[in-house]
Amino acid sequence: MGTRLKVLSTFKALHRTRMAVFKDDDRALTAARLKINEEFRKNKNETSEENINKMIKMGSDVEIVLRESVLQMEHVGDKKLLLRPRESHMLENVPYCDQPRKKS
């Protein structure tokens, strides 16, 4: 895939992730959109293949961090927050066991 297509796919992936991560939070959606667009515009005239590949890698890493690490919380009163995890954060609930399993 050409460098231009890699840059465009990273740009689109960041925006798709932004829409999923900050769903229903207009302020965060706007701030993330502005920051993504600003960073891509700032480096628009970069010609060094090595630097472009580093920036693509950084953009992909940021997208992964956003997708896997960011949780939404909402204030629902004094000293109370409502956690709104996405489906990808929900794991199977497996009880913890102190005792090692006995080999049969």
PDB file of N, CA and C in Angstrom:
ATOM      1  N   MET A   1       0.850  -1.174   0.000  1.00  0.00           N
ATOM      2  CA  MET A   1       0.000   0.000   0.000  1.00  0.00           C
ATOM      3  C   MET A   1       0.896   1.237   0.000  1.00  0.00           C
ATOM      4  N   GLY A   2       0.518   2.241  -0.772  1.00  0.00           N
ATOM      5  CA  GLY A   2       1.303   3.456  -0.861  1.00  0.00           C
ATOM      6  C   GLY A   2       1.248   4.269   0.416  1.00  0.00           C
ATOM      7  N   THR A   3       2.237   5.118   0.590  1.00  0.00           N
ATOM      8  CA  THR A   3       2.333   5.938   1.798  1.00  0.00           C
ATOM      9  C   THR A   3       1.113   6.832   1.951  1.00  0.00           C
ATOM     10  N   ARG A   4       0.677   7.398   0.855  1.00  0.00           N
ATOM     11  CA  ARG A   4      -0.488   8.291   0.907  1.00  0.00           C
ATOM     12  C   ARG A   4      -1.725   7.547   1.417  1.00  0.00           C
ATOM     13  N   LEU A   5      -1.912   6.313   0.955  1.00  0.00           N
ATOM     14  CA  LEU A   5      -3.056   5.512   1.409  1.00  0.00           C
ATOM     15  C   LEU A   5      -2.926   5.119   2.877  1.00  0.00           C
ATOM     16  N   LYS A   6      -1.702   4.846   3.320  1.00  0.00           N
ATOM     17  CA  LYS A   6      -1.483   4.515   4.732  1.00  0.00           C
ATOM     18  C   LYS A   6      -1.833   5.704   5.624  1.00  0.00           C
ATOM     19  N   VAL A   7      -1.417   6.889   5.202  1.00  0.00           N
ATOM     20  CA  VAL A   7      -1.716   8.104   5.967  1.00  0.00           C
ATOM     21  C   VAL A   7      -3.229   8.322   6.021  1.00  0.00           C
ATOM     22  N   LEU A   8      -3.887   8.175   4.888  1.00  0.00           N
ATOM     23  CA  LEU A   8      -5.335   8.372   4.844  1.00  0.00           C
ATOM     24  C   LEU A   8      -6.066   7.323   5.691  1.00  0.00           C
ATOM     25  N   SER A   9      -5.627   6.081   5.644  1.00  0.00           N
ATOM     26  CA  SER A   9      -6.299   5.047   6.441  1.00  0.00           C
ATOM     27  C   SER A   9      -6.069   5.265   7.941  1.00  0.00           C
ATOM     28  N   THR A  10      -4.889   5.756   8.325  1.00  0.00           N
ATOM     29  CA  THR A  10      -4.628   6.087   9.730  1.00  0.00           C
ATOM     30  C   THR A  10      -5.528   7.239  10.174  1.00  0.00           C
ATOM     31  N   PHE A  11      -5.652   8.248   9.318  1.00  0.00           N
ATOM     32  CA  PHE A  11      -6.516   9.403   9.593  1.00  0.00           C
ATOM     33  C   PHE A  11      -7.965   8.950   9.801  1.00  0.00           C
ATOM     34  N   LYS A  12      -8.452   8.115   8.899  1.00  0.00           N
ATOM     35  CA  LYS A  12      -9.833   7.620   9.003  1.00  0.00           C
ATOM     36  C   LYS A  12     -10.023   6.736  10.235  1.00  0.00           C
ATOM     37  N   ALA A  13      -9.037   5.889  10.535  1.00  0.00           N
ATOM     38  CA  ALA A  13      -9.138   5.011  11.704  1.00  0.00           C
ATOM     39  C   ALA A  13      -9.202   5.832  12.988  1.00  0.00           C
ATOM     40  N   LEU A  14      -8.405   6.883  13.066  1.00  0.00           N
ATOM     41  CA  LEU A  14      -8.440   7.753  14.246  1.00  0.00           C
ATOM     42  C   LEU A  14      -9.817   8.412  14.405  1.00  0.00           C
ATOM     43  N   HIS A  15     -10.384   8.866  13.304  1.00  0.00           N
ATOM     44  CA  HIS A  15     -11.703   9.499  13.389  1.00  0.00           C
ATOM     45  C   HIS A  15     -12.797   8.486  13.731  1.00  0.00           C
ATOM     46  N   ARG A  16     -12.713   7.269  13.182  1.00  0.00           N
ATOM     47  CA  ARG A  16     -13.695   6.240  13.532  1.00  0.00           C
ATOM     48  C   ARG A  16     -13.603   5.886  15.008  1.00  0.00           C
ATOM     49  N   THR A  17     -12.390   5.756  15.500  1.00  0.00           N
ATOM     50  CA  THR A  17     -12.180   5.431  16.913  1.00  0.00           C
ATOM     51  C   THR A  17     -12.678   6.567  17.794  1.00  0.00           C
ATOM     52  N   ARG A  18     -12.408   7.792  17.397  1.00  0.00           N
ATOM     53  CA  ARG A  18     -12.884   8.967  18.131  1.00  0.00           C
ATOM     54  C   ARG A  18     -14.397   8.932  18.258  1.00  0.00           C
ATOM     55  N   MET A  19     -15.092   8.594  17.179  1.00  0.00           N
ATOM     56  CA  MET A  19     -16.553   8.547  17.198  1.00  0.00           C
ATOM     57  C   MET A  19     -17.070   7.466  18.143  1.00  0.00           C
ATOM     58  N   ALA A  20     -16.370   6.333  18.211  1.00  0.00           N
ATOM     59  CA  ALA A  20     -16.800   5.241  19.091  1.00  0.00           C
ATOM     60  C   ALA A  20     -16.463   5.528  20.552  1.00  0.00           C
ATOM     61  N   VAL A  21     -15.265   6.034  20.797  1.00  0.00           N
ATOM     62  CA  VAL A  21     -14.794   6.236  22.172  1.00  0.00           C
ATOM     63  C   VAL A  21     -15.548   7.367  22.863  1.00  0.00           C
ATOM     64  N   PHE A  22     -15.787   8.470  22.162  1.00  0.00           N
ATOM     65  CA  PHE A  22     -16.405   9.641  22.777  1.00  0.00           C
ATOM     66  C   PHE A  22     -17.869   9.804  22.374  1.00  0.00           C
ATOM     67  N   LYS A  23     -18.544   8.708  22.091  1.00  0.00           N
ATOM     68  CA  LYS A  23     -19.949   8.739  21.677  1.00  0.00           C
ATOM     69  C   LYS A  23     -20.775   9.490  22.728  1.00  0.00           C
ATOM     70  N   ASP A  24     -21.669  10.343  22.275  1.00  0.00           N
ATOM     71  CA  ASP A  24     -22.575  11.129  23.121  1.00  0.00           C
ATOM     72  C   ASP A  24     -21.864  12.195  23.960  1.00  0.00           C
ATOM     73  N   ASP A  25     -20.619  12.509  23.666  1.00  0.00           N
ATOM     74  CA  ASP A  25     -19.888  13.564  24.391  1.00  0.00           C
ATOM     75  C   ASP A  25     -19.406  14.583  23.359  1.00  0.00           C
ATOM     76  N   ASP A  26     -20.253  15.558  23.077  1.00  0.00           N
ATOM     77  CA  ASP A  26     -19.961  16.521  22.009  1.00  0.00           C
ATOM     78  C   ASP A  26     -18.674  17.292  22.227  1.00  0.00           C
ATOM     79  N   ARG A  27     -18.412  17.653  23.469  1.00  0.00           N
ATOM     80  CA  ARG A  27     -17.195  18.425  23.770  1.00  0.00           C
ATOM     81  C   ARG A  27     -15.940  17.620  23.463  1.00  0.00           C
ATOM     82  N   ALA A  28     -15.912  16.361  23.894  1.00  0.00           N
ATOM     83  CA  ALA A  28     -14.744  15.511  23.637  1.00  0.00           C
ATOM     84  C   ALA A  28     -14.626  15.165  22.155  1.00  0.00           C
ATOM     85  N   LEU A  29     -15.751  14.943  21.492  1.00  0.00           N
ATOM     86  CA  LEU A  29     -15.727  14.657  20.051  1.00  0.00           C
ATOM     87  C   LEU A  29     -15.118  15.816  19.274  1.00  0.00           C
ATOM     88  N   THR A  30     -15.528  17.014  19.620  1.00  0.00           N
ATOM     89  CA  THR A  30     -15.013  18.202  18.933  1.00  0.00           C
ATOM     90  C   THR A  30     -13.533  18.401  19.214  1.00  0.00           C
ATOM     91  N   ALA A  31     -13.144  18.268  20.474  1.00  0.00           N
ATOM     92  CA  ALA A  31     -11.732  18.456  20.838  1.00  0.00           C
ATOM     93  C   ALA A  31     -10.853  17.420  20.139  1.00  0.00           C
ATOM     94  N   ALA A  32     -11.292  16.170  20.106  1.00  0.00           N
ATOM     95  CA  ALA A  32     -10.504  15.121  19.452  1.00  0.00           C
ATOM     96  C   ALA A  32     -10.422  15.371  17.945  1.00  0.00           C
ATOM     97  N   ARG A  33     -11.525  15.769  17.336  1.00  0.00           N
ATOM     98  CA  ARG A  33     -11.525  16.058  15.889  1.00  0.00           C
ATOM     99  C   ARG A  33     -10.556  17.180  15.562  1.00  0.00           C
ATOM    100  N   LEU A  34     -10.611  18.247  16.356  1.00  0.00           N
ATOM    101  CA  LEU A  34      -9.709  19.373  16.115  1.00  0.00           C
ATOM    102  C   LEU A  34      -8.249  18.972  16.272  1.00  0.00           C
ATOM    103  N   LYS A  35      -7.944  18.170  17.293  1.00  0.00           N
ATOM    104  CA  LYS A  35      -6.558  17.756  17.539  1.00  0.00           C
ATOM    105  C   LYS A  35      -6.049  16.849  16.422  1.00  0.00           C
ATOM    106  N   ILE A  36      -6.872  15.884  15.994  1.00  0.00           N
ATOM    107  CA  ILE A  36      -6.464  14.986  14.906  1.00  0.00           C
ATOM    108  C   ILE A  36      -6.207  15.792  13.640  1.00  0.00           C
ATOM    109  N   ASN A  37      -7.156  16.659  13.295  1.00  0.00           N
ATOM    110  CA  ASN A  37      -7.002  17.458  12.074  1.00  0.00           C
ATOM    111  C   ASN A  37      -5.792  18.387  12.161  1.00  0.00           C
ATOM    112  N   GLU A  38      -5.570  18.975  13.325  1.00  0.00           N
ATOM    113  CA  GLU A  38      -4.430  19.878  13.516  1.00  0.00           C
ATOM    114  C   GLU A  38      -3.103  19.145  13.311  1.00  0.00           C
ATOM    115  N   GLU A  39      -2.981  17.965  13.902  1.00  0.00           N
ATOM    116  CA  GLU A  39      -1.723  17.207  13.786  1.00  0.00           C
ATOM    117  C   GLU A  39      -1.460  16.781  12.344  1.00  0.00           C
ATOM    118  N   PHE A  40      -2.498  16.349  11.633  1.00  0.00           N
ATOM    119  CA  PHE A  40      -2.299  15.945  10.241  1.00  0.00           C
ATOM    120  C   PHE A  40      -1.997  17.155   9.364  1.00  0.00           C
ATOM    121  N   ARG A  41      -2.661  18.287   9.617  1.00  0.00           N
ATOM    122  CA  ARG A  41      -2.389  19.501   8.841  1.00  0.00           C
ATOM    123  C   ARG A  41      -0.973  20.011   9.088  1.00  0.00           C
ATOM    124  N   LYS A  42      -0.531  19.914  10.341  1.00  0.00           N
ATOM    125  CA  LYS A  42       0.798  20.409  10.718  1.00  0.00           C
ATOM    126  C   LYS A  42       1.890  19.653   9.958  1.00  0.00           C
ATOM    127  N   ASN A  43       1.662  18.358   9.716  1.00  0.00           N
ATOM    128  CA  ASN A  43       2.680  17.531   9.058  1.00  0.00           C
ATOM    129  C   ASN A  43       2.344  17.237   7.597  1.00  0.00           C
ATOM    130  N   LYS A  44       1.462  18.030   7.023  1.00  0.00           N
ATOM    131  CA  LYS A  44       0.985  17.806   5.657  1.00  0.00           C
ATOM    132  C   LYS A  44       2.106  17.861   4.614  1.00  0.00           C
ATOM    133  N   ASN A  45       3.083  18.698   4.827  1.00  0.00           N
ATOM    134  CA  ASN A  45       4.136  18.890   3.829  1.00  0.00           C
ATOM    135  C   ASN A  45       5.384  18.059   4.093  1.00  0.00           C
ATOM    136  N   GLU A  46       5.291  17.096   4.986  1.00  0.00           N
ATOM    137  CA  GLU A  46       6.442  16.229   5.284  1.00  0.00           C
ATOM    138  C   GLU A  46       6.756  15.376   4.057  1.00  0.00           C
ATOM    139  N   THR A  47       8.042  15.298   3.705  1.00  0.00           N
ATOM    140  CA  THR A  47       8.427  14.520   2.521  1.00  0.00           C
ATOM    141  C   THR A  47       9.317  13.336   2.852  1.00  0.00           C
ATOM    142  N   SER A  48       9.916  13.316   4.031  1.00  0.00           N
ATOM    143  CA  SER A  48      10.803  12.227   4.412  1.00  0.00           C
ATOM    144  C   SER A  48      10.004  10.955   4.679  1.00  0.00           C
ATOM    145  N   GLU A  49      10.282   9.926   3.897  1.00  0.00           N
ATOM    146  CA  GLU A  49       9.574   8.640   4.028  1.00  0.00           C
ATOM    147  C   GLU A  49       9.717   8.064   5.435  1.00  0.00           C
ATOM    148  N   GLU A  50      10.908   8.202   5.998  1.00  0.00           N
ATOM    149  CA  GLU A  50      11.170   7.676   7.345  1.00  0.00           C
ATOM    150  C   GLU A  50      10.308   8.393   8.394  1.00  0.00           C
ATOM    151  N   ASN A  51      10.257   9.717   8.318  1.00  0.00           N
ATOM    152  CA  ASN A  51       9.437  10.483   9.268  1.00  0.00           C
ATOM    153  C   ASN A  51       7.951  10.190   9.090  1.00  0.00           C
ATOM    154  N   ILE A  52       7.525  10.048   7.854  1.00  0.00           N
ATOM    155  CA  ILE A  52       6.116   9.740   7.593  1.00  0.00           C
ATOM    156  C   ILE A  52       5.757   8.387   8.195  1.00  0.00           C
ATOM    157  N   ASN A  53       6.617   7.386   8.042  1.00  0.00           N
ATOM    158  CA  ASN A  53       6.352   6.064   8.608  1.00  0.00           C
ATOM    159  C   ASN A  53       6.321   6.101  10.132  1.00  0.00           C
ATOM    160  N   LYS A  54       7.186   6.927  10.740  1.00  0.00           N
ATOM    161  CA  LYS A  54       7.164   7.086  12.201  1.00  0.00           C
ATOM    162  C   LYS A  54       5.839   7.700  12.649  1.00  0.00           C
ATOM    163  N   MET A  55       5.376   8.697  11.906  1.00  0.00           N
ATOM    164  CA  MET A  55       4.113   9.357  12.266  1.00  0.00           C
ATOM    165  C   MET A  55       2.917   8.427  12.058  1.00  0.00           C
ATOM    166  N   ILE A  56       2.962   7.599  11.019  1.00  0.00           N
ATOM    167  CA  ILE A  56       1.898   6.612  10.802  1.00  0.00           C
ATOM    168  C   ILE A  56       1.871   5.636  11.972  1.00  0.00           C
ATOM    169  N   LYS A  57       3.045   5.182  12.395  1.00  0.00           N
ATOM    170  CA  LYS A  57       3.133   4.255  13.525  1.00  0.00           C
ATOM    171  C   LYS A  57       2.588   4.919  14.795  1.00  0.00           C
ATOM    172  N   MET A  58       2.936   6.179  15.032  1.00  0.00           N
ATOM    173  CA  MET A  58       2.447   6.889  16.209  1.00  0.00           C
ATOM    174  C   MET A  58       0.928   7.030  16.147  1.00  0.00           C
ATOM    175  N   GLY A  59       0.390   7.370  14.982  1.00  0.00           N
ATOM    176  CA  GLY A  59      -1.057   7.493  14.819  1.00  0.00           C
ATOM    177  C   GLY A  59      -1.765   6.177  15.087  1.00  0.00           C
ATOM    178  N   SER A  60      -1.196   5.083  14.613  1.00  0.00           N
ATOM    179  CA  SER A  60      -1.780   3.760  14.860  1.00  0.00           C
ATOM    180  C   SER A  60      -1.728   3.413  16.339  1.00  0.00           C
ATOM    181  N   ASP A  61      -0.618   3.744  16.993  1.00  0.00           N
ATOM    182  CA  ASP A  61      -0.491   3.489  18.435  1.00  0.00           C
ATOM    183  C   ASP A  61      -1.505   4.310  19.233  1.00  0.00           C
ATOM    184  N   VAL A  62      -1.702   5.557  18.852  1.00  0.00           N
ATOM    185  CA  VAL A  62      -2.670   6.414  19.530  1.00  0.00           C
ATOM    186  C   VAL A  62      -4.074   5.841  19.355  1.00  0.00           C
ATOM    187  N   GLU A  63      -4.373   5.363  18.166  1.00  0.00           N
ATOM    188  CA  GLU A  63      -5.691   4.778  17.906  1.00  0.00           C
ATOM    189  C   GLU A  63      -5.924   3.562  18.795  1.00  0.00           C
ATOM    190  N   ILE A  64      -4.900   2.735  18.971  1.00  0.00           N
ATOM    191  CA  ILE A  64      -5.008   1.546  19.828  1.00  0.00           C
ATOM    192  C   ILE A  64      -5.215   1.955  21.284  1.00  0.00           C
ATOM    193  N   VAL A  65      -4.453   2.939  21.744  1.00  0.00           N
ATOM    194  CA  VAL A  65      -4.592   3.405  23.129  1.00  0.00           C
ATOM    195  C   VAL A  65      -5.996   3.960  23.356  1.00  0.00           C
ATOM    196  N   LEU A  66      -6.488   4.768  22.431  1.00  0.00           N
ATOM    197  CA  LEU A  66      -7.847   5.306  22.566  1.00  0.00           C
ATOM    198  C   LEU A  66      -8.871   4.176  22.637  1.00  0.00           C
ATOM    199  N   ARG A  67      -8.746   3.228  21.726  1.00  0.00           N
ATOM    200  CA  ARG A  67      -9.720   2.148  21.635  1.00  0.00           C
ATOM    201  C   ARG A  67      -9.705   1.241  22.856  1.00  0.00           C
ATOM    202  N   GLU A  68      -8.516   0.970  23.409  1.00  0.00           N
ATOM    203  CA  GLU A  68      -8.402  -0.023  24.471  1.00  0.00           C
ATOM    204  C   GLU A  68      -8.348   0.562  25.881  1.00  0.00           C
ATOM    205  N   SER A  69      -7.984   1.818  26.038  1.00  0.00           N
ATOM    206  CA  SER A  69      -7.713   2.348  27.371  1.00  0.00           C
ATOM    207  C   SER A  69      -8.671   3.425  27.858  1.00  0.00           C
ATOM    208  N   VAL A  70      -9.356   4.093  26.961  1.00  0.00           N
ATOM    209  CA  VAL A  70     -10.184   5.218  27.372  1.00  0.00           C
ATOM    210  C   VAL A  70     -11.584   4.730  27.742  1.00  0.00           C
ATOM    211  N   LEU A  71     -12.041   5.147  28.931  1.00  0.00           N
ATOM    212  CA  LEU A  71     -13.389   4.846  29.405  1.00  0.00           C
ATOM    213  C   LEU A  71     -14.158   6.144  29.571  1.00  0.00           C
ATOM    214  N   GLN A  72     -15.445   6.112  29.301  1.00  0.00           N
ATOM    215  CA  GLN A  72     -16.275   7.296  29.488  1.00  0.00           C
ATOM    216  C   GLN A  72     -16.919   7.256  30.862  1.00  0.00           C
ATOM    217  N   MET A  73     -16.933   8.406  31.514  1.00  0.00           N
ATOM    218  CA  MET A  73     -17.615   8.566  32.794  1.00  0.00           C
ATOM    219  C   MET A  73     -18.464   9.814  32.703  1.00  0.00           C
ATOM    220  N   GLU A  74     -19.541   9.809  33.471  1.00  0.00           N
ATOM    221  CA  GLU A  74     -20.456  10.937  33.445  1.00  0.00           C
ATOM    222  C   GLU A  74     -20.826  11.300  34.876  1.00  0.00           C
ATOM    223  N   HIS A  75     -20.815  12.601  35.175  1.00  0.00           N
ATOM    224  CA  HIS A  75     -21.240  13.057  36.498  1.00  0.00           C
ATOM    225  C   HIS A  75     -22.756  12.884  36.610  1.00  0.00           C
ATOM    226  N   VAL A  76     -23.192  12.202  37.678  1.00  0.00           N
ATOM    227  CA  VAL A  76     -24.626  12.000  37.878  1.00  0.00           C
ATOM    228  C   VAL A  76     -25.076  12.532  39.233  1.00  0.00           C
ATOM    229  N   GLY A  77     -24.296  13.357  39.833  1.00  0.00           N
ATOM    230  CA  GLY A  77     -24.646  13.940  41.118  1.00  0.00           C
ATOM    231  C   GLY A  77     -23.387  14.315  41.864  1.00  0.00           C
ATOM    232  N   ASP A  78     -23.568  14.746  43.091  1.00  0.00           N
ATOM    233  CA  ASP A  78     -22.419  15.101  43.912  1.00  0.00           C
ATOM    234  C   ASP A  78     -21.606  13.857  44.231  1.00  0.00           C
ATOM    235  N   LYS A  79     -20.351  13.899  43.885  1.00  0.00           N
ATOM    236  CA  LYS A  79     -19.403  12.827  44.188  1.00  0.00           C
ATOM    237  C   LYS A  79     -19.820  11.472  43.625  1.00  0.00           C
ATOM    238  N   LYS A  80     -20.577  11.473  42.515  1.00  0.00           N
ATOM    239  CA  LYS A  80     -20.973  10.219  41.875  1.00  0.00           C
ATOM    240  C   LYS A  80     -20.674  10.297  40.391  1.00  0.00           C
ATOM    241  N   LEU A  81     -20.110   9.214  39.885  1.00  0.00           N
ATOM    242  CA  LEU A  81     -19.830   9.100  38.468  1.00  0.00           C
ATOM    243  C   LEU A  81     -20.476   7.836  37.928  1.00  0.00           C
ATOM    244  N   LEU A  82     -20.945   7.902  36.696  1.00  0.00           N
ATOM    245  CA  LEU A  82     -21.507   6.749  36.021  1.00  0.00           C
ATOM    246  C   LEU A  82     -20.508   6.292  34.973  1.00  0.00           C
ATOM    247  N   LEU A  83     -20.027   5.069  35.111  1.00  0.00           N
ATOM    248  CA  LEU A  83     -19.075   4.503  34.159  1.00  0.00           C
ATOM    249  C   LEU A  83     -19.840   3.925  32.985  1.00  0.00           C
ATOM    250  N   ARG A  84     -19.421   4.289  31.780  1.00  0.00           N
ATOM    251  CA  ARG A  84     -20.083   3.797  30.574  1.00  0.00           C
ATOM    252  C   ARG A  84     -19.079   3.030  29.718  1.00  0.00           C
ATOM    253  N   PRO A  85     -18.812   1.770  30.077  1.00  0.00           N
ATOM    254  CA  PRO A  85     -17.840   0.989  29.306  1.00  0.00           C
ATOM    255  C   PRO A  85     -18.411   0.563  27.954  1.00  0.00           C
ATOM    256  N   ARG A  86     -17.535   0.428  26.981  1.00  0.00           N
ATOM    257  CA  ARG A  86     -17.941  -0.083  25.681  1.00  0.00           C
ATOM    258  C   ARG A  86     -17.917  -1.598  25.713  1.00  0.00           C
ATOM    259  N   GLU A  87     -18.520  -2.208  24.741  1.00  0.00           N
ATOM    260  CA  GLU A  87     -18.613  -3.667  24.652  1.00  0.00           C
ATOM    261  C   GLU A  87     -17.222  -4.308  24.642  1.00  0.00           C
ATOM    262  N   SER A  88     -16.250  -3.651  24.042  1.00  0.00           N
ATOM    263  CA  SER A  88     -14.895  -4.214  23.963  1.00  0.00           C
ATOM    264  C   SER A  88     -14.200  -4.286  25.321  1.00  0.00           C
ATOM    265  N   HIS A  89     -14.685  -3.493  26.300  1.00  0.00           N
ATOM    266  CA  HIS A  89     -14.088  -3.521  27.632  1.00  0.00           C
ATOM    267  C   HIS A  89     -14.693  -4.584  28.532  1.00  0.00           C
ATOM    268  N   MET A  90     -15.816  -5.115  28.119  1.00  0.00           N
ATOM    269  CA  MET A  90     -16.496  -6.105  28.945  1.00  0.00           C
ATOM    270  C   MET A  90     -15.826  -7.468  28.750  1.00  0.00           C
ATOM    271  N   LEU A  91     -15.407  -8.062  29.845  1.00  0.00           N
ATOM    272  CA  LEU A  91     -14.753  -9.360  29.797  1.00  0.00           C
ATOM    273  C   LEU A  91     -15.629 -10.386  30.497  1.00  0.00           C
ATOM    274  N   GLU A  92     -15.362 -11.635  30.204  1.00  0.00           N
ATOM    275  CA  GLU A  92     -16.063 -12.713  30.881  1.00  0.00           C
ATOM    276  C   GLU A  92     -15.690 -12.677  32.355  1.00  0.00           C
ATOM    277  N   ASN A  93     -16.655 -12.775  33.221  1.00  0.00           N
ATOM    278  CA  ASN A  93     -16.406 -12.733  34.649  1.00  0.00           C
ATOM    279  C   ASN A  93     -15.982 -14.120  35.131  1.00  0.00           C
ATOM    280  N   VAL A  94     -14.704 -14.266  35.403  1.00  0.00           N
ATOM    281  CA  VAL A  94     -14.164 -15.541  35.868  1.00  0.00           C
ATOM    282  C   VAL A  94     -13.710 -15.342  37.308  1.00  0.00           C
ATOM    283  N   PRO A  95     -14.214 -16.141  38.241  1.00  0.00           N
ATOM    284  CA  PRO A  95     -13.820 -15.962  39.643  1.00  0.00           C
ATOM    285  C   PRO A  95     -12.340 -16.273  39.852  1.00  0.00           C
ATOM    286  N   TYR A  96     -11.749 -15.554  40.786  1.00  0.00           N
ATOM    287  CA  TYR A  96     -10.344 -15.752  41.125  1.00  0.00           C
ATOM    288  C   TYR A  96     -10.232 -16.916  42.107  1.00  0.00           C
ATOM    289  N   CYS A  97      -9.185 -17.725  41.951  1.00  0.00           N
ATOM    290  CA  CYS A  97      -8.988 -18.879  42.831  1.00  0.00           C
ATOM    291  C   CYS A  97      -7.550 -18.860  43.344  1.00  0.00           C
ATOM    292  N   ASP A  98      -7.385 -18.829  44.675  1.00  0.00           N
ATOM    293  CA  ASP A  98      -6.061 -18.831  45.286  1.00  0.00           C
ATOM    294  C   ASP A  98      -5.356 -20.171  45.144  1.00  0.00           C
ATOM    295  N   GLN A  99      -6.124 -21.216  45.156  1.00  0.00           N
ATOM    296  CA  GLN A  99      -5.557 -22.565  45.153  1.00  0.00           C
ATOM    297  C   GLN A  99      -5.212 -22.994  43.724  1.00  0.00           C
ATOM    298  N   PRO A 100      -4.012 -23.535  43.532  1.00  0.00           N
ATOM    299  CA  PRO A 100      -3.688 -24.055  42.201  1.00  0.00           C
ATOM    300  C   PRO A 100      -4.558 -25.292  41.906  1.00  0.00           C
ATOM    301  N   ARG A 101      -4.798 -25.511  40.656  1.00  0.00           N
ATOM    302  CA  ARG A 101      -5.605 -26.666  40.269  1.00  0.00           C
ATOM    303  C   ARG A 101      -4.842 -27.960  40.546  1.00  0.00           C
ATOM    304  N   LYS A 102      -5.560 -28.944  40.983  1.00  0.00           N
ATOM    305  CA  LYS A 102      -4.942 -30.255  41.226  1.00  0.00           C
ATOM    306  C   LYS A 102      -4.842 -31.001  39.906  1.00  0.00           C
ATOM    307  N   LYS A 103      -3.691 -31.536  39.664  1.00  0.00           N
ATOM    308  CA  LYS A 103      -3.500 -32.320  38.453  1.00  0.00           C
ATOM    309  C   LYS A 103      -4.079 -33.705  38.668  1.00  0.00           C
ATOM    310  N   SER A 104      -4.804 -34.199  37.707  1.00  0.00           N
ATOM    311  CA  SER A 104      -5.382 -35.528  37.875  1.00  0.00           C
ATOM    312  C   SER A 104      -4.618 -36.586  37.127  1.00  0.00           C
TER     313      SER A 104
END
